Protein backbone atom coordinates (compact mmCIF):
# COMPACT_ATOMS: atom_id res chain seq x y z
CA UNK A 1 0.00 0.00 0.00
CA UNK A 2 1.47 3.34 -1.06
CA UNK A 3 0.55 5.39 2.03
CA UNK A 4 0.92 2.64 4.61
CA UNK A 5 2.19 4.87 7.41
CA UNK A 6 3.03 3.87 10.95
CA UNK A 7 -0.13 5.67 12.13
CA UNK A 8 -2.22 3.75 9.59
CA UNK A 9 -0.75 0.38 10.59
CA UNK A 10 -1.27 1.11 14.28
CA UNK A 11 -4.87 2.18 13.72
CA UNK A 12 -6.00 -0.81 11.66
CA UNK A 13 -4.13 -3.35 13.80
CA UNK A 14 -6.19 -3.07 16.97
CA UNK A 15 -9.63 -2.45 18.37
CA UNK A 16 -10.73 1.15 18.60
CA UNK A 17 -11.64 1.34 22.30
CA UNK A 18 -11.42 4.99 23.30
CA UNK A 19 -8.96 6.29 20.73
CA UNK A 20 -9.23 10.04 20.09
CA UNK A 21 -10.18 11.28 16.64
CA UNK A 22 -6.55 12.22 16.09
CA UNK A 23 -5.65 8.51 16.08
CA UNK A 24 -7.31 8.36 12.66
CA UNK A 25 -4.82 8.59 9.79
CA UNK A 26 -5.05 11.95 8.05
CA UNK A 27 -6.55 13.66 11.11
CA UNK A 28 -4.22 16.02 12.91
CA UNK A 29 -4.65 17.81 16.21
CA UNK A 30 -4.78 21.41 15.06
CA UNK A 31 -7.30 21.65 12.23
CA UNK A 32 -9.24 18.47 11.47
CA UNK A 33 -9.21 17.13 15.02
CA UNK A 34 -10.58 20.45 16.20
CA UNK A 35 -13.19 20.55 13.41
CA UNK A 36 -14.37 17.04 14.28
CA UNK A 37 -14.58 17.82 18.00
CA UNK A 38 -16.54 20.99 17.22
CA UNK A 39 -19.11 18.81 15.44
CA UNK A 40 -19.30 16.43 18.41
CA UNK A 41 -16.87 13.73 17.24
CA UNK A 42 -14.41 13.29 20.11
CA UNK A 43 -13.52 9.63 19.59
CA UNK A 44 -12.47 7.63 16.55
CA UNK A 45 -15.34 5.25 17.31
CA UNK A 46 -17.83 8.09 16.75
CA UNK A 47 -16.30 8.78 13.34
CA UNK A 48 -16.48 5.04 12.61
CA UNK A 49 -20.16 5.10 13.58
CA UNK A 50 -20.76 7.94 11.13
CA UNK A 51 -18.97 5.97 8.41
CA UNK A 52 -21.16 2.94 9.12
CA UNK A 53 -24.31 5.13 9.12
CA UNK A 54 -23.28 6.32 5.66
CA UNK A 55 -23.46 2.71 4.52
CA UNK A 56 -19.66 2.30 4.56
CA UNK A 57 -19.62 4.21 1.27
CA UNK A 58 -16.05 5.53 0.84
CA UNK A 59 -16.94 8.23 -1.68
CA UNK A 60 -19.82 9.58 0.38
CA UNK A 61 -17.67 9.58 3.52
CA UNK A 62 -14.76 11.33 1.78
CA UNK A 63 -17.18 13.99 0.52
CA UNK A 64 -18.42 14.54 4.08
CA UNK A 65 -14.85 14.88 5.35
CA UNK A 66 -14.01 17.38 2.62
CA UNK A 67 -17.22 19.42 2.75
CA UNK A 68 -18.09 19.39 6.45
CA UNK A 69 -14.76 18.80 8.21
CA UNK A 70 -12.66 20.72 5.66
CA UNK A 71 -10.22 17.87 4.99
CA UNK A 72 -8.00 17.97 1.95
CA UNK A 73 -8.40 15.16 -0.57
CA UNK A 74 -5.31 13.30 0.67
CA UNK A 75 -6.40 13.58 4.32
CA UNK A 76 -9.90 12.34 3.51
CA UNK A 77 -8.44 9.44 1.54
CA UNK A 78 -6.10 8.39 4.37
CA UNK A 79 -8.88 8.46 6.95
CA UNK A 80 -11.36 6.64 4.73
CA UNK A 81 -8.91 3.89 3.74
CA UNK A 82 -8.10 3.27 7.39
CA UNK A 83 -11.78 2.96 8.32
CA UNK A 84 -12.46 0.64 5.39
CA UNK A 85 -9.55 -1.60 6.39
CA UNK A 86 -10.55 -1.48 10.06
CA UNK A 87 -14.11 -2.55 9.17
CA UNK A 88 -12.78 -5.36 6.97
CA UNK A 89 -10.68 -6.62 9.87
CA UNK A 90 -13.10 -6.22 12.79
CA UNK A 91 -16.71 -6.06 11.53
C-alpha atoms as a PDB file:
ATOM      1  CA  UNK A   1       0.000   0.000   0.000  1.00  0.00           C
ATOM      2  CA  UNK A   2       1.469   3.342  -1.057  1.00  0.00           C
ATOM      3  CA  UNK A   3       0.550   5.388   2.032  1.00  0.00           C
ATOM      4  CA  UNK A   4       0.923   2.642   4.611  1.00  0.00           C
ATOM      5  CA  UNK A   5       2.194   4.866   7.408  1.00  0.00           C
ATOM      6  CA  UNK A   6       3.028   3.873  10.954  1.00  0.00           C
ATOM      7  CA  UNK A   7      -0.129   5.674  12.127  1.00  0.00           C
ATOM      8  CA  UNK A   8      -2.217   3.751   9.585  1.00  0.00           C
ATOM      9  CA  UNK A   9      -0.750   0.379  10.588  1.00  0.00           C
ATOM     10  CA  UNK A  10      -1.268   1.107  14.284  1.00  0.00           C
ATOM     11  CA  UNK A  11      -4.869   2.176  13.723  1.00  0.00           C
ATOM     12  CA  UNK A  12      -5.996  -0.810  11.663  1.00  0.00           C
ATOM     13  CA  UNK A  13      -4.133  -3.345  13.803  1.00  0.00           C
ATOM     14  CA  UNK A  14      -6.188  -3.073  16.966  1.00  0.00           C
ATOM     15  CA  UNK A  15      -9.634  -2.450  18.373  1.00  0.00           C
ATOM     16  CA  UNK A  16     -10.731   1.146  18.596  1.00  0.00           C
ATOM     17  CA  UNK A  17     -11.635   1.340  22.296  1.00  0.00           C
ATOM     18  CA  UNK A  18     -11.421   4.986  23.299  1.00  0.00           C
ATOM     19  CA  UNK A  19      -8.955   6.294  20.731  1.00  0.00           C
ATOM     20  CA  UNK A  20      -9.233  10.040  20.094  1.00  0.00           C
ATOM     21  CA  UNK A  21     -10.184  11.283  16.643  1.00  0.00           C
ATOM     22  CA  UNK A  22      -6.549  12.222  16.087  1.00  0.00           C
ATOM     23  CA  UNK A  23      -5.652   8.509  16.079  1.00  0.00           C
ATOM     24  CA  UNK A  24      -7.310   8.358  12.656  1.00  0.00           C
ATOM     25  CA  UNK A  25      -4.816   8.591   9.793  1.00  0.00           C
ATOM     26  CA  UNK A  26      -5.046  11.947   8.049  1.00  0.00           C
ATOM     27  CA  UNK A  27      -6.548  13.658  11.114  1.00  0.00           C
ATOM     28  CA  UNK A  28      -4.221  16.018  12.907  1.00  0.00           C
ATOM     29  CA  UNK A  29      -4.651  17.809  16.211  1.00  0.00           C
ATOM     30  CA  UNK A  30      -4.785  21.412  15.061  1.00  0.00           C
ATOM     31  CA  UNK A  31      -7.297  21.645  12.225  1.00  0.00           C
ATOM     32  CA  UNK A  32      -9.240  18.475  11.470  1.00  0.00           C
ATOM     33  CA  UNK A  33      -9.214  17.130  15.018  1.00  0.00           C
ATOM     34  CA  UNK A  34     -10.584  20.451  16.199  1.00  0.00           C
ATOM     35  CA  UNK A  35     -13.186  20.548  13.408  1.00  0.00           C
ATOM     36  CA  UNK A  36     -14.375  17.036  14.277  1.00  0.00           C
ATOM     37  CA  UNK A  37     -14.577  17.821  18.001  1.00  0.00           C
ATOM     38  CA  UNK A  38     -16.540  20.993  17.217  1.00  0.00           C
ATOM     39  CA  UNK A  39     -19.106  18.805  15.440  1.00  0.00           C
ATOM     40  CA  UNK A  40     -19.298  16.426  18.405  1.00  0.00           C
ATOM     41  CA  UNK A  41     -16.869  13.725  17.238  1.00  0.00           C
ATOM     42  CA  UNK A  42     -14.413  13.294  20.107  1.00  0.00           C
ATOM     43  CA  UNK A  43     -13.523   9.629  19.590  1.00  0.00           C
ATOM     44  CA  UNK A  44     -12.471   7.628  16.545  1.00  0.00           C
ATOM     45  CA  UNK A  45     -15.342   5.249  17.307  1.00  0.00           C
ATOM     46  CA  UNK A  46     -17.831   8.093  16.749  1.00  0.00           C
ATOM     47  CA  UNK A  47     -16.302   8.778  13.336  1.00  0.00           C
ATOM     48  CA  UNK A  48     -16.481   5.040  12.606  1.00  0.00           C
ATOM     49  CA  UNK A  49     -20.164   5.102  13.580  1.00  0.00           C
ATOM     50  CA  UNK A  50     -20.759   7.940  11.134  1.00  0.00           C
ATOM     51  CA  UNK A  51     -18.966   5.974   8.411  1.00  0.00           C
ATOM     52  CA  UNK A  52     -21.162   2.943   9.121  1.00  0.00           C
ATOM     53  CA  UNK A  53     -24.312   5.133   9.121  1.00  0.00           C
ATOM     54  CA  UNK A  54     -23.276   6.321   5.661  1.00  0.00           C
ATOM     55  CA  UNK A  55     -23.456   2.715   4.521  1.00  0.00           C
ATOM     56  CA  UNK A  56     -19.656   2.301   4.560  1.00  0.00           C
ATOM     57  CA  UNK A  57     -19.625   4.210   1.269  1.00  0.00           C
ATOM     58  CA  UNK A  58     -16.054   5.529   0.838  1.00  0.00           C
ATOM     59  CA  UNK A  59     -16.937   8.234  -1.677  1.00  0.00           C
ATOM     60  CA  UNK A  60     -19.825   9.576   0.385  1.00  0.00           C
ATOM     61  CA  UNK A  61     -17.666   9.579   3.523  1.00  0.00           C
ATOM     62  CA  UNK A  62     -14.759  11.334   1.777  1.00  0.00           C
ATOM     63  CA  UNK A  63     -17.181  13.989   0.520  1.00  0.00           C
ATOM     64  CA  UNK A  64     -18.420  14.543   4.084  1.00  0.00           C
ATOM     65  CA  UNK A  65     -14.845  14.877   5.351  1.00  0.00           C
ATOM     66  CA  UNK A  66     -14.006  17.376   2.617  1.00  0.00           C
ATOM     67  CA  UNK A  67     -17.221  19.416   2.753  1.00  0.00           C
ATOM     68  CA  UNK A  68     -18.093  19.393   6.453  1.00  0.00           C
ATOM     69  CA  UNK A  69     -14.764  18.798   8.205  1.00  0.00           C
ATOM     70  CA  UNK A  70     -12.655  20.720   5.655  1.00  0.00           C
ATOM     71  CA  UNK A  71     -10.216  17.873   4.986  1.00  0.00           C
ATOM     72  CA  UNK A  72      -7.997  17.969   1.950  1.00  0.00           C
ATOM     73  CA  UNK A  73      -8.400  15.161  -0.575  1.00  0.00           C
ATOM     74  CA  UNK A  74      -5.309  13.302   0.674  1.00  0.00           C
ATOM     75  CA  UNK A  75      -6.396  13.578   4.318  1.00  0.00           C
ATOM     76  CA  UNK A  76      -9.901  12.342   3.506  1.00  0.00           C
ATOM     77  CA  UNK A  77      -8.444   9.436   1.542  1.00  0.00           C
ATOM     78  CA  UNK A  78      -6.100   8.390   4.369  1.00  0.00           C
ATOM     79  CA  UNK A  79      -8.879   8.460   6.952  1.00  0.00           C
ATOM     80  CA  UNK A  80     -11.358   6.638   4.733  1.00  0.00           C
ATOM     81  CA  UNK A  81      -8.911   3.893   3.737  1.00  0.00           C
ATOM     82  CA  UNK A  82      -8.098   3.271   7.391  1.00  0.00           C
ATOM     83  CA  UNK A  83     -11.777   2.960   8.320  1.00  0.00           C
ATOM     84  CA  UNK A  84     -12.459   0.636   5.391  1.00  0.00           C
ATOM     85  CA  UNK A  85      -9.546  -1.599   6.389  1.00  0.00           C
ATOM     86  CA  UNK A  86     -10.553  -1.484  10.059  1.00  0.00           C
ATOM     87  CA  UNK A  87     -14.108  -2.546   9.165  1.00  0.00           C
ATOM     88  CA  UNK A  88     -12.784  -5.361   6.971  1.00  0.00           C
ATOM     89  CA  UNK A  89     -10.680  -6.621   9.869  1.00  0.00           C
ATOM     90  CA  UNK A  90     -13.095  -6.217  12.787  1.00  0.00           C
ATOM     91  CA  UNK A  91     -16.707  -6.064  11.531  1.00  0.00           C
END
